[in-house]
Structure formats: structure tokens, C-alpha cells
Amino acid sequence: MIKIFILSVFIYIYLTILLRLIGKKEFSQLNVFDFVVFLIISEIMTMSLETHELTVIDSVIATITLIVLDRLESILTIHSKKIRDLLEGTPCYIIFHGKIQYDHMKKLRYSIDDLCHHLRVNNIDSVSKVEYAVLETNGSLSVIEKDQSITNIPDALVCDGSINEVALKMLNKDRQWLIDELKKKGIHSYHEVLYCIMEKQGLYVIKK
């Protein structure tokens, strides 16, 4: 009994420290990789209590390995949008310019009832009020109402020196158009740009 009590206290303190190391995110913001890491850590620590095949030391080594992998994943996704999109997925428009994107909903198995529920959660009682609704990679729905929208698309065209080709395509623009527009603002390379978005009055740009 005493051994179980001591092990339980140790695991509680240990897992608390691990969660602090992963930390920096609310649980609602966890990506798929983080969620899988949490599930595996939980299973490993449970096995160390319930069986003799896996010692506490083995569990600590295994969980530290997972934490290192999680931190590496975070570093890679920060520095590479392609890797970030591959591991975390990409947001998807459910409503774009006030129109429901039913094809997207079918692919995601996202129903009208789901949409109405999430709109009500955002204190919106009708689709007619919505300019953009984006299903985020964590499953939440981000909603921008028509009277609050100041952009042609609520996606960055350039993010940390990388061009968002998908956003450009949705605007019916190409890379050369963006480069020309940036030059008009005295920016000779998109690599100099930290953030750029297309507002209704023109490009809004923040340099690095």
C-alpha cells in the first residue's frame, strides 16, 4: 500500500512537470501530435503501476523520449509551414464570403447541425450574419461576422517569409501579383515580410 501511495505521488508530480514542459498551450489548442503523446504517456504510466513488466524507470525513459519528440515536432512546425500542415492539418472554410461551402462540409463529415451549434456557441443566431467560418485544426469553429470583417480573406498571404499559395489562389491572384504589390510598398523580397494580409483597403504588411 505504501509503495503504491509513493508511486502515485511520484507519478502525479512527474506528469505535472511533463505537462509544464509541453505546456505553453491550452488543452483546446493541442494538435493531433500533442494529443497522441498525452495518450501514450498516460498509458505508459498506468502500465508501470498495474504490471511488473514495465518499471517506473522504464516509464520515465519512455515518457522523456516522447517529450523530446514533441519538442522536436514543435521546433519543426515553427520553422516549416509544409511540415506544420502535414502534422497538424490545415484549417478549412465552412463559410466563405457569406456562402456555405457544402463540398468542404461533406469531405469533413461536418453537418449543418454542427455548423448551427458552433454558431450558437459564438452567439450568432443565423448564417446570414457570417462572412467567414473556419474549422480550425483543433476542431473549433472561428467565426467572423459580416459587419466585423475588414479583409478579403482572413488568411495571411505571407507568414514569416513564406507565401501562402492557397490563400492567393482563393483571391484569384498569383505569386507575381503579390511580389509586385510588395514592391509598391518598398519591399523587394517577400522573405523580408513577417506578416501580410489582404485587407479591403489594400495589403497590410509587417516587416521582420
Protein backbone atom coordinates (compact mmCIF):
# COMPACT_ATOMS: atom_id res chain seq x y z
CA MET A 1 0.00 0.00 0.00
CA ILE A 2 2.77 2.41 0.98
CA LYS A 3 4.65 1.59 -2.24
CA ILE A 4 1.55 2.30 -4.35
CA PHE A 5 0.97 5.57 -2.49
CA ILE A 6 4.57 6.73 -3.04
CA LEU A 7 4.48 5.71 -6.71
CA SER A 8 1.18 7.53 -7.24
CA VAL A 9 2.54 10.73 -5.69
CA PHE A 10 5.70 10.46 -7.78
CA ILE A 11 3.74 9.90 -11.00
CA TYR A 12 1.45 12.82 -10.20
CA ILE A 13 4.39 15.19 -9.63
CA TYR A 14 6.28 13.78 -12.62
CA LEU A 15 3.34 14.14 -15.01
CA THR A 16 2.68 17.68 -13.76
CA ILE A 17 6.28 18.61 -14.59
CA LEU A 18 5.99 16.95 -18.02
CA LEU A 19 2.80 18.86 -18.78
CA ARG A 20 4.55 22.07 -17.80
CA LEU A 21 7.41 21.20 -20.18
CA ILE A 22 4.98 20.60 -23.04
CA GLY A 23 2.93 23.48 -21.62
CA LYS A 24 2.59 26.77 -23.49
CA LYS A 25 -0.74 25.65 -24.95
CA GLU A 26 -4.24 25.33 -23.60
CA PHE A 27 -5.72 21.86 -23.98
CA SER A 28 -8.16 23.21 -26.58
CA GLN A 29 -5.16 24.22 -28.69
CA LEU A 30 -3.41 20.86 -28.73
CA ASN A 31 -2.66 19.40 -32.13
CA VAL A 32 -3.01 15.73 -33.03
CA PHE A 33 0.65 15.02 -32.23
CA ASP A 34 0.34 16.51 -28.72
CA PHE A 35 -2.86 14.57 -28.08
CA VAL A 36 -1.26 11.27 -29.10
CA VAL A 37 1.73 11.99 -26.84
CA PHE A 38 -0.59 12.61 -23.87
CA LEU A 39 -2.49 9.36 -24.51
CA ILE A 40 0.71 7.29 -24.76
CA ILE A 41 2.22 8.88 -21.64
CA SER A 42 -0.97 8.15 -19.72
CA GLU A 43 -0.97 4.51 -20.88
CA ILE A 44 2.73 4.03 -20.05
CA MET A 45 2.37 5.40 -16.53
CA THR A 46 -0.73 3.28 -15.93
CA MET A 47 1.15 0.15 -17.05
CA SER A 48 4.00 0.94 -14.65
CA LEU A 49 1.51 0.83 -11.76
CA GLU A 50 -0.51 -2.18 -12.89
CA THR A 51 2.22 -4.56 -14.15
CA HIS A 52 5.74 -5.61 -13.24
CA GLU A 53 6.81 -5.82 -16.87
CA LEU A 54 7.36 -2.08 -17.07
CA THR A 55 9.28 -0.42 -14.24
CA VAL A 56 8.93 3.21 -13.22
CA ILE A 57 12.42 3.87 -14.59
CA ASP A 58 11.39 2.36 -17.93
CA SER A 59 8.30 4.60 -17.90
CA VAL A 60 10.37 7.70 -17.17
CA ILE A 61 12.76 6.93 -20.05
CA ALA A 62 9.85 6.29 -22.43
CA THR A 63 7.95 9.44 -21.47
CA ILE A 64 11.05 11.65 -21.65
CA THR A 65 11.66 10.26 -25.15
CA LEU A 66 8.10 11.25 -26.12
CA ILE A 67 8.56 14.74 -24.68
CA VAL A 68 11.78 15.19 -26.67
CA LEU A 69 9.94 14.09 -29.83
CA ASP A 70 7.12 16.52 -29.06
CA ARG A 71 9.56 19.41 -28.62
CA LEU A 72 11.30 18.50 -31.89
CA GLU A 73 7.91 18.46 -33.61
CA SER A 74 7.18 21.92 -32.22
CA ILE A 75 10.50 23.27 -33.49
CA LEU A 76 9.99 21.75 -36.94
CA THR A 77 6.44 23.08 -37.29
CA ILE A 78 7.50 26.58 -36.23
CA HIS A 79 10.17 26.73 -38.95
CA SER A 80 8.37 24.88 -41.75
CA LYS A 81 4.81 25.50 -42.87
CA LYS A 82 4.86 22.36 -45.03
CA ILE A 83 5.74 20.19 -42.05
CA ARG A 84 3.20 22.07 -39.91
CA ASP A 85 0.45 21.42 -42.45
CA LEU A 86 1.47 17.75 -42.74
CA LEU A 87 1.48 17.08 -38.99
CA GLU A 88 -1.27 19.42 -37.83
CA GLY A 89 -3.51 19.67 -40.88
CA THR A 90 -4.90 22.91 -42.29
CA PRO A 91 -7.98 24.98 -41.41
CA CYS A 92 -10.95 24.66 -43.76
CA TYR A 93 -13.57 27.23 -44.73
CA ILE A 94 -17.12 26.22 -43.88
CA ILE A 95 -18.46 29.65 -44.86
CA PHE A 96 -16.55 31.84 -47.32
CA HIS A 97 -17.74 35.32 -48.31
CA GLY A 98 -21.10 34.51 -46.74
CA LYS A 99 -21.62 31.30 -48.73
CA ILE A 100 -21.72 27.83 -47.18
CA GLN A 101 -19.00 25.58 -48.64
CA TYR A 102 -21.06 22.40 -48.75
CA ASP A 103 -18.42 20.38 -50.63
CA HIS A 104 -15.94 21.05 -47.83
CA MET A 105 -18.54 20.06 -45.25
CA LYS A 106 -19.18 16.73 -46.95
CA LYS A 107 -15.48 15.90 -47.09
CA LEU A 108 -15.12 16.70 -43.39
CA ARG A 109 -18.40 14.95 -42.46
CA TYR A 110 -19.44 18.25 -40.90
CA SER A 111 -23.21 18.67 -40.82
CA ILE A 112 -25.47 21.73 -40.92
CA ASP A 113 -26.43 20.86 -37.33
CA ASP A 114 -22.74 21.04 -36.36
CA LEU A 115 -22.46 24.43 -38.04
CA CYS A 116 -25.57 25.81 -36.34
CA HIS A 117 -24.38 24.52 -32.98
CA HIS A 118 -20.99 26.21 -33.29
CA LEU A 119 -22.57 29.44 -34.48
CA ARG A 120 -24.83 29.49 -31.43
CA VAL A 121 -21.78 28.91 -29.22
CA ASN A 122 -20.36 32.07 -30.84
CA ASN A 123 -23.64 33.92 -30.06
CA ILE A 124 -24.67 34.02 -33.72
CA ASP A 125 -28.25 33.08 -34.49
CA SER A 126 -28.13 33.00 -38.30
CA VAL A 127 -25.75 32.02 -41.07
CA SER A 128 -26.74 35.25 -42.85
CA LYS A 129 -24.64 37.23 -40.36
CA VAL A 130 -21.44 35.32 -41.14
CA GLU A 131 -18.77 36.37 -43.62
CA TYR A 132 -16.25 33.64 -42.74
CA ALA A 133 -16.44 30.48 -40.66
CA VAL A 134 -13.24 28.45 -40.44
CA LEU A 135 -13.00 24.96 -38.99
CA GLU A 136 -9.64 25.03 -37.22
CA THR A 137 -7.26 22.08 -36.91
CA ASN A 138 -8.29 21.55 -33.27
CA GLY A 139 -11.96 21.19 -34.23
CA SER A 140 -13.13 24.61 -33.09
CA LEU A 141 -15.01 26.97 -35.41
CA SER A 142 -13.68 30.51 -35.83
CA VAL A 143 -16.38 32.93 -36.96
CA ILE A 144 -16.09 36.44 -38.42
CA GLU A 145 -19.32 38.36 -38.88
CA LYS A 146 -20.02 40.47 -41.95
CA ASP A 147 -20.05 43.77 -40.06
CA GLN A 148 -16.70 42.94 -38.44
CA SER A 149 -14.77 41.79 -41.50
CA ILE A 150 -12.06 44.10 -42.87
CA THR A 151 -10.23 41.55 -45.05
CA ASN A 152 -10.80 39.93 -48.43
CA ILE A 153 -9.69 36.67 -46.84
CA PRO A 154 -8.74 36.14 -43.17
CA ASP A 155 -5.56 34.26 -44.06
CA ALA A 156 -2.04 35.69 -44.21
CA LEU A 157 -0.68 35.88 -47.76
CA VAL A 158 2.83 35.87 -46.34
CA CYS A 159 3.70 34.40 -42.97
CA ASP A 160 7.26 34.57 -41.66
CA GLY A 161 8.74 34.88 -45.14
CA SER A 162 6.64 32.10 -46.72
CA ILE A 163 3.94 32.73 -49.33
CA ASN A 164 0.52 31.17 -48.76
CA GLU A 165 -0.25 29.86 -52.25
CA VAL A 166 -3.67 28.55 -51.20
CA ALA A 167 -4.80 31.97 -49.96
CA LEU A 168 -3.56 33.61 -53.17
CA LYS A 169 -5.49 31.10 -55.26
CA MET A 170 -8.67 31.82 -53.29
CA LEU A 171 -8.19 35.51 -54.13
CA ASN A 172 -7.61 34.64 -57.81
CA LYS A 173 -4.13 36.12 -57.52
CA ASP A 174 -0.68 34.71 -58.20
CA ARG A 175 2.80 34.99 -56.71
CA GLN A 176 3.91 37.65 -59.22
CA TRP A 177 0.97 39.88 -58.29
CA LEU A 178 1.95 39.66 -54.63
CA ILE A 179 5.62 40.42 -55.38
CA ASP A 180 4.61 43.46 -57.45
CA GLU A 181 2.32 44.74 -54.69
CA LEU A 182 5.04 44.34 -52.09
CA LYS A 183 7.47 46.30 -54.29
CA LYS A 184 4.96 49.17 -54.37
CA LYS A 185 5.40 49.30 -50.61
CA GLY A 186 9.18 49.34 -50.90
CA ILE A 187 9.62 45.66 -50.05
CA HIS A 188 11.84 43.92 -52.59
CA SER A 189 11.57 40.36 -51.25
CA TYR A 190 8.73 38.53 -49.53
CA HIS A 191 11.39 36.92 -47.32
CA GLU A 192 11.55 40.30 -45.53
CA VAL A 193 7.88 40.02 -44.55
CA LEU A 194 6.75 38.70 -41.17
CA TYR A 195 3.03 39.05 -41.89
CA CYS A 196 0.98 40.21 -44.84
CA ILE A 197 -2.79 40.10 -45.28
CA MET A 198 -5.16 41.45 -47.93
CA GLU A 199 -7.47 43.99 -46.35
CA LYS A 200 -10.30 45.67 -48.25
CA GLN A 201 -8.22 48.86 -48.43
CA GLY A 202 -5.09 47.04 -49.67
CA LEU A 203 -2.22 45.00 -48.32
CA TYR A 204 -1.37 45.26 -44.64
CA VAL A 205 2.30 44.35 -44.15
CA ILE A 206 4.56 43.87 -41.14
CA LYS A 207 8.26 43.51 -41.89
CA LYS A 208 10.60 41.30 -39.88
